[in-house]
């Protein structure tokens, strides 16, 4: 385990795949809807200290059903957070494809 933060694994990418050779998001293979996400290091960092690189702020949802109950705070119960993923394409490119990270592929636990 890292000295600072935590490694997470077992997430799924929807609408794209991870290119392990380049270490960036890439287009999905034909007829593949979901792919395994890489191990991600969640490292607490101040916004002012974040490294600048081409990335996509990828939303992380608990399930494929992206809708959830809207709480009185204005937050969705299915949305967890955004994770910065390196990319050679613009954020708009991935938004148009509906790219997201998912904790599970079905609504049944």
N, C-alpha and C. Protein backbone atom coordinates (compact mmCIF):
# COMPACT_ATOMS: atom_id res chain seq x y z
N UNK A 1 0.83 -1.18 0.00
CA UNK A 1 0.00 0.00 0.00
C UNK A 1 0.89 1.25 0.00
N UNK A 2 0.38 2.34 -0.58
CA UNK A 2 1.20 3.56 -0.65
C UNK A 2 1.30 4.24 0.71
N UNK A 3 2.30 5.08 0.88
CA UNK A 3 2.46 5.85 2.12
C UNK A 3 1.34 6.87 2.29
N UNK A 4 0.82 7.37 1.17
CA UNK A 4 -0.20 8.41 1.18
C UNK A 4 -1.32 8.03 0.22
N UNK A 5 -2.56 7.89 0.69
CA UNK A 5 -3.68 7.53 -0.17
C UNK A 5 -3.98 6.05 -0.16
N UNK A 6 -4.62 5.59 -1.24
CA UNK A 6 -5.01 4.18 -1.34
C UNK A 6 -5.10 3.77 -2.80
N UNK A 7 -4.80 2.50 -3.05
CA UNK A 7 -5.00 1.94 -4.38
C UNK A 7 -6.42 1.37 -4.44
N UNK A 8 -7.12 1.61 -5.56
CA UNK A 8 -8.42 0.99 -5.77
C UNK A 8 -8.38 0.19 -7.07
N UNK A 9 -9.10 -0.91 -7.09
CA UNK A 9 -9.14 -1.77 -8.27
C UNK A 9 -10.52 -2.38 -8.38
N UNK A 10 -10.78 -3.01 -9.51
CA UNK A 10 -12.08 -3.65 -9.72
C UNK A 10 -13.10 -2.75 -10.37
N UNK A 11 -12.70 -1.56 -10.80
CA UNK A 11 -13.63 -0.66 -11.49
C UNK A 11 -13.72 -1.03 -12.96
N UNK A 12 -14.79 -0.59 -13.59
CA UNK A 12 -15.03 -0.86 -15.01
C UNK A 12 -15.15 0.46 -15.77
N UNK A 13 -14.64 0.48 -16.99
CA UNK A 13 -14.79 1.64 -17.88
C UNK A 13 -15.93 1.36 -18.84
N UNK A 14 -16.78 2.34 -19.06
CA UNK A 14 -17.86 2.24 -20.04
C UNK A 14 -17.62 3.29 -21.11
N UNK A 15 -17.64 2.87 -22.37
CA UNK A 15 -17.50 3.81 -23.48
C UNK A 15 -16.07 4.01 -23.95
N UNK A 16 -15.13 3.33 -23.33
CA UNK A 16 -13.73 3.41 -23.74
C UNK A 16 -12.98 2.24 -23.13
N UNK A 17 -11.67 2.24 -23.30
CA UNK A 17 -10.82 1.22 -22.67
C UNK A 17 -9.56 1.90 -22.21
N UNK A 18 -8.79 1.21 -21.40
CA UNK A 18 -7.51 1.71 -20.93
C UNK A 18 -6.41 1.13 -21.81
N UNK A 19 -5.55 1.98 -22.34
CA UNK A 19 -4.41 1.56 -23.14
C UNK A 19 -3.23 1.40 -22.19
N UNK A 20 -2.89 0.16 -21.86
CA UNK A 20 -1.83 -0.12 -20.89
C UNK A 20 -0.45 0.25 -21.42
N UNK A 21 -0.25 0.19 -22.74
CA UNK A 21 1.05 0.54 -23.31
C UNK A 21 1.33 2.03 -23.19
N UNK A 22 0.31 2.86 -23.46
CA UNK A 22 0.48 4.32 -23.41
C UNK A 22 0.11 4.92 -22.06
N UNK A 23 -0.68 4.20 -21.27
CA UNK A 23 -1.13 4.71 -19.98
C UNK A 23 -2.16 5.82 -20.11
N UNK A 24 -3.06 5.68 -21.11
CA UNK A 24 -4.11 6.69 -21.35
C UNK A 24 -5.42 6.01 -21.74
N UNK A 25 -6.51 6.79 -21.70
CA UNK A 25 -7.79 6.30 -22.23
C UNK A 25 -7.66 6.12 -23.73
N UNK A 26 -8.40 5.15 -24.26
CA UNK A 26 -8.37 4.88 -25.70
C UNK A 26 -9.76 4.45 -26.15
N UNK A 27 -9.96 4.43 -27.45
CA UNK A 27 -11.25 4.01 -28.00
C UNK A 27 -11.52 2.54 -27.66
N UNK A 28 -12.78 2.22 -27.45
CA UNK A 28 -13.18 0.83 -27.17
C UNK A 28 -12.91 -0.04 -28.39
N UNK A 29 -12.70 -1.32 -28.13
CA UNK A 29 -12.63 -2.27 -29.23
C UNK A 29 -14.04 -2.48 -29.75
N UNK A 30 -14.20 -2.84 -31.03
CA UNK A 30 -15.54 -3.05 -31.58
C UNK A 30 -16.37 -4.03 -30.74
N UNK A 31 -17.62 -3.69 -30.51
CA UNK A 31 -18.61 -4.51 -29.81
C UNK A 31 -18.27 -4.79 -28.35
N UNK A 32 -17.37 -4.01 -27.74
CA UNK A 32 -17.02 -4.16 -26.34
C UNK A 32 -17.57 -2.95 -25.59
N UNK A 33 -18.57 -3.17 -24.73
CA UNK A 33 -19.20 -2.07 -24.01
C UNK A 33 -18.45 -1.68 -22.75
N UNK A 34 -17.88 -2.66 -22.05
CA UNK A 34 -17.21 -2.41 -20.78
C UNK A 34 -15.81 -3.01 -20.82
N UNK A 35 -14.89 -2.37 -20.13
CA UNK A 35 -13.54 -2.93 -20.02
C UNK A 35 -13.02 -2.68 -18.60
N UNK A 36 -12.04 -3.44 -18.21
CA UNK A 36 -11.46 -3.32 -16.87
C UNK A 36 -10.65 -2.04 -16.78
N UNK A 37 -10.86 -1.28 -15.72
CA UNK A 37 -10.06 -0.08 -15.48
C UNK A 37 -8.76 -0.47 -14.81
N UNK A 38 -7.72 0.34 -14.95
CA UNK A 38 -6.45 0.02 -14.29
C UNK A 38 -6.56 0.24 -12.78
N UNK A 39 -5.57 -0.23 -12.05
CA UNK A 39 -5.49 0.09 -10.63
C UNK A 39 -5.26 1.60 -10.53
N UNK A 40 -6.01 2.26 -9.66
CA UNK A 40 -5.95 3.72 -9.54
C UNK A 40 -5.45 4.09 -8.15
N UNK A 41 -4.50 5.02 -8.11
CA UNK A 41 -3.96 5.52 -6.85
C UNK A 41 -4.73 6.77 -6.47
N UNK A 42 -5.54 6.69 -5.43
CA UNK A 42 -6.24 7.86 -4.90
C UNK A 42 -5.29 8.52 -3.90
N UNK A 43 -4.76 9.66 -4.31
CA UNK A 43 -3.76 10.35 -3.50
C UNK A 43 -4.29 11.73 -3.13
N UNK A 44 -4.50 12.00 -1.85
CA UNK A 44 -4.99 13.32 -1.45
C UNK A 44 -3.98 14.40 -1.84
N UNK A 45 -4.46 15.39 -2.60
CA UNK A 45 -3.61 16.46 -3.08
C UNK A 45 -4.40 17.76 -3.12
N UNK A 46 -3.77 18.86 -2.77
CA UNK A 46 -4.41 20.16 -2.88
C UNK A 46 -4.59 20.51 -4.35
N UNK A 47 -5.70 21.17 -4.68
CA UNK A 47 -5.96 21.56 -6.07
C UNK A 47 -4.80 22.37 -6.65
N UNK A 48 -4.20 23.20 -5.85
CA UNK A 48 -3.11 24.06 -6.32
C UNK A 48 -1.83 23.28 -6.60
N UNK A 49 -1.76 22.03 -6.13
CA UNK A 49 -0.56 21.22 -6.32
C UNK A 49 -0.75 20.11 -7.34
N UNK A 50 -1.91 20.07 -8.01
CA UNK A 50 -2.15 19.02 -9.00
C UNK A 50 -1.24 19.22 -10.21
N UNK A 51 -0.66 18.13 -10.67
CA UNK A 51 0.15 18.17 -11.88
C UNK A 51 -0.73 18.49 -13.07
N UNK A 52 -0.25 19.28 -14.01
CA UNK A 52 -1.00 19.61 -15.22
C UNK A 52 -0.65 18.62 -16.32
N UNK A 53 -1.64 17.94 -16.84
CA UNK A 53 -1.47 17.03 -17.97
C UNK A 53 -2.82 16.87 -18.65
N UNK A 54 -2.81 16.39 -19.88
CA UNK A 54 -4.05 16.19 -20.63
C UNK A 54 -4.82 15.05 -19.96
N UNK A 55 -6.06 15.34 -19.53
CA UNK A 55 -6.81 14.33 -18.79
C UNK A 55 -8.32 14.50 -19.03
N UNK A 56 -9.06 13.50 -18.57
CA UNK A 56 -10.52 13.53 -18.57
C UNK A 56 -10.97 13.34 -17.12
N UNK A 57 -11.79 14.27 -16.63
CA UNK A 57 -12.38 14.12 -15.29
C UNK A 57 -13.53 13.14 -15.41
N UNK A 58 -13.23 11.87 -15.20
CA UNK A 58 -14.18 10.79 -15.43
C UNK A 58 -15.11 10.59 -14.23
N UNK A 59 -16.43 10.65 -14.45
CA UNK A 59 -17.35 10.41 -13.34
C UNK A 59 -17.33 8.94 -12.92
N UNK A 60 -17.43 8.71 -11.62
CA UNK A 60 -17.49 7.36 -11.06
C UNK A 60 -18.89 7.15 -10.49
N UNK A 61 -19.57 6.11 -10.97
CA UNK A 61 -20.92 5.77 -10.52
C UNK A 61 -20.90 4.40 -9.84
N UNK A 62 -21.86 4.16 -8.96
CA UNK A 62 -21.93 2.86 -8.30
C UNK A 62 -22.40 1.77 -9.26
N UNK A 63 -23.34 2.09 -10.17
CA UNK A 63 -23.88 1.09 -11.10
C UNK A 63 -24.01 1.67 -12.51
N UNK A 64 -24.36 0.80 -13.44
CA UNK A 64 -24.59 1.20 -14.83
C UNK A 64 -25.75 2.19 -14.92
N UNK A 65 -26.75 2.02 -14.07
CA UNK A 65 -27.87 2.97 -14.00
C UNK A 65 -27.32 4.27 -13.46
N UNK A 66 -27.09 5.22 -14.31
CA UNK A 66 -26.45 6.46 -13.87
C UNK A 66 -27.40 7.37 -13.11
N UNK A 67 -28.66 7.09 -13.21
CA UNK A 67 -29.59 7.94 -12.46
C UNK A 67 -29.72 7.38 -11.04
N UNK A 68 -30.06 8.24 -10.13
CA UNK A 68 -30.24 7.85 -8.75
C UNK A 68 -31.25 8.79 -8.13
N UNK A 69 -31.38 8.71 -6.86
CA UNK A 69 -32.29 9.60 -6.15
C UNK A 69 -31.58 10.92 -5.89
N UNK A 70 -32.24 12.02 -6.22
CA UNK A 70 -31.67 13.32 -5.96
C UNK A 70 -31.94 13.68 -4.50
N UNK A 71 -30.88 13.90 -3.76
CA UNK A 71 -31.01 14.23 -2.34
C UNK A 71 -31.32 15.72 -2.16
N UNK A 72 -31.74 16.09 -0.99
CA UNK A 72 -32.05 17.50 -0.71
C UNK A 72 -30.81 18.37 -0.84
N UNK A 73 -29.63 17.78 -0.76
CA UNK A 73 -28.38 18.53 -0.92
C UNK A 73 -28.06 18.79 -2.39
N UNK A 74 -28.85 18.20 -3.29
CA UNK A 74 -28.61 18.36 -4.72
C UNK A 74 -27.68 17.32 -5.31
N UNK A 75 -27.28 16.33 -4.51
CA UNK A 75 -26.38 15.29 -4.99
C UNK A 75 -27.17 14.05 -5.40
N UNK A 76 -26.62 13.32 -6.38
CA UNK A 76 -27.21 12.09 -6.86
C UNK A 76 -26.67 10.93 -6.04
N UNK A 77 -27.52 9.99 -5.65
CA UNK A 77 -27.08 8.86 -4.82
C UNK A 77 -26.22 7.86 -5.57
N UNK A 78 -26.21 7.90 -6.90
CA UNK A 78 -25.44 6.96 -7.70
C UNK A 78 -24.06 7.51 -8.06
N UNK A 79 -23.91 8.81 -8.09
CA UNK A 79 -22.63 9.45 -8.43
C UNK A 79 -21.74 9.47 -7.19
N UNK A 80 -20.47 9.06 -7.35
CA UNK A 80 -19.54 9.06 -6.22
C UNK A 80 -18.55 10.21 -6.27
N UNK A 81 -17.83 10.33 -7.39
CA UNK A 81 -16.82 11.38 -7.53
C UNK A 81 -16.26 11.35 -8.95
N UNK A 82 -15.40 12.29 -9.28
CA UNK A 82 -14.70 12.28 -10.56
C UNK A 82 -13.25 11.88 -10.33
N UNK A 83 -12.69 11.15 -11.28
CA UNK A 83 -11.30 10.72 -11.20
C UNK A 83 -10.58 11.18 -12.46
N UNK A 84 -9.44 11.83 -12.27
CA UNK A 84 -8.64 12.31 -13.41
C UNK A 84 -7.94 11.14 -14.08
N UNK A 85 -8.25 10.91 -15.36
CA UNK A 85 -7.61 9.84 -16.12
C UNK A 85 -6.83 10.46 -17.29
N UNK A 86 -5.56 10.11 -17.45
CA UNK A 86 -4.77 10.65 -18.56
C UNK A 86 -5.41 10.31 -19.91
N UNK A 87 -5.33 11.27 -20.84
CA UNK A 87 -5.95 11.09 -22.15
C UNK A 87 -5.19 11.89 -23.20
N UNK A 88 -5.17 11.37 -24.42
CA UNK A 88 -4.59 12.11 -25.55
C UNK A 88 -5.68 12.92 -26.26
N UNK A 89 -6.94 12.72 -25.86
CA UNK A 89 -8.07 13.44 -26.47
C UNK A 89 -8.62 14.46 -25.47
N UNK A 90 -9.41 15.39 -25.99
CA UNK A 90 -10.03 16.40 -25.12
C UNK A 90 -11.12 15.78 -24.26
N UNK A 91 -11.50 16.48 -23.20
CA UNK A 91 -12.61 16.02 -22.35
C UNK A 91 -13.89 15.90 -23.17
N UNK A 92 -14.10 16.85 -24.07
CA UNK A 92 -15.32 16.84 -24.90
C UNK A 92 -15.44 15.54 -25.70
N UNK A 93 -14.32 15.03 -26.15
CA UNK A 93 -14.28 13.77 -26.91
C UNK A 93 -14.91 12.64 -26.09
N UNK A 94 -14.52 12.53 -24.82
CA UNK A 94 -15.00 11.44 -23.97
C UNK A 94 -16.41 11.71 -23.46
N UNK A 95 -16.76 12.98 -23.25
CA UNK A 95 -18.13 13.31 -22.83
C UNK A 95 -19.12 12.89 -23.91
N UNK A 96 -18.80 13.15 -25.18
CA UNK A 96 -19.69 12.75 -26.29
C UNK A 96 -19.89 11.24 -26.34
N UNK A 97 -18.91 10.48 -25.88
CA UNK A 97 -19.01 9.02 -25.88
C UNK A 97 -19.65 8.48 -24.60
N UNK A 98 -19.94 9.34 -23.66
CA UNK A 98 -20.58 8.91 -22.42
C UNK A 98 -19.68 8.08 -21.53
N UNK A 99 -18.38 8.35 -21.55
CA UNK A 99 -17.42 7.56 -20.79
C UNK A 99 -17.60 7.78 -19.29
N UNK A 100 -17.58 6.67 -18.54
CA UNK A 100 -17.71 6.72 -17.09
C UNK A 100 -17.00 5.52 -16.47
N UNK A 101 -16.65 5.65 -15.21
CA UNK A 101 -16.17 4.54 -14.40
C UNK A 101 -17.34 3.99 -13.61
N UNK A 102 -17.39 2.67 -13.44
CA UNK A 102 -18.48 2.01 -12.73
C UNK A 102 -17.91 1.07 -11.68
N UNK A 103 -18.58 1.03 -10.51
CA UNK A 103 -18.16 0.10 -9.46
C UNK A 103 -18.68 -1.32 -9.74
N UNK A 104 -19.88 -1.41 -10.33
CA UNK A 104 -20.45 -2.73 -10.64
C UNK A 104 -21.23 -2.62 -11.94
N UNK A 105 -21.37 -3.75 -12.62
CA UNK A 105 -22.03 -3.75 -13.92
C UNK A 105 -23.52 -4.07 -13.86
N UNK A 106 -24.04 -4.44 -12.71
CA UNK A 106 -25.47 -4.70 -12.59
C UNK A 106 -26.00 -4.02 -11.34
N UNK A 107 -27.31 -3.82 -11.28
CA UNK A 107 -27.91 -3.16 -10.12
C UNK A 107 -28.07 -4.08 -8.93
N UNK A 108 -27.95 -5.41 -9.17
CA UNK A 108 -28.09 -6.35 -8.06
C UNK A 108 -26.76 -6.48 -7.33
N UNK A 109 -26.80 -6.48 -6.03
CA UNK A 109 -25.55 -6.55 -5.24
C UNK A 109 -25.29 -7.96 -4.79
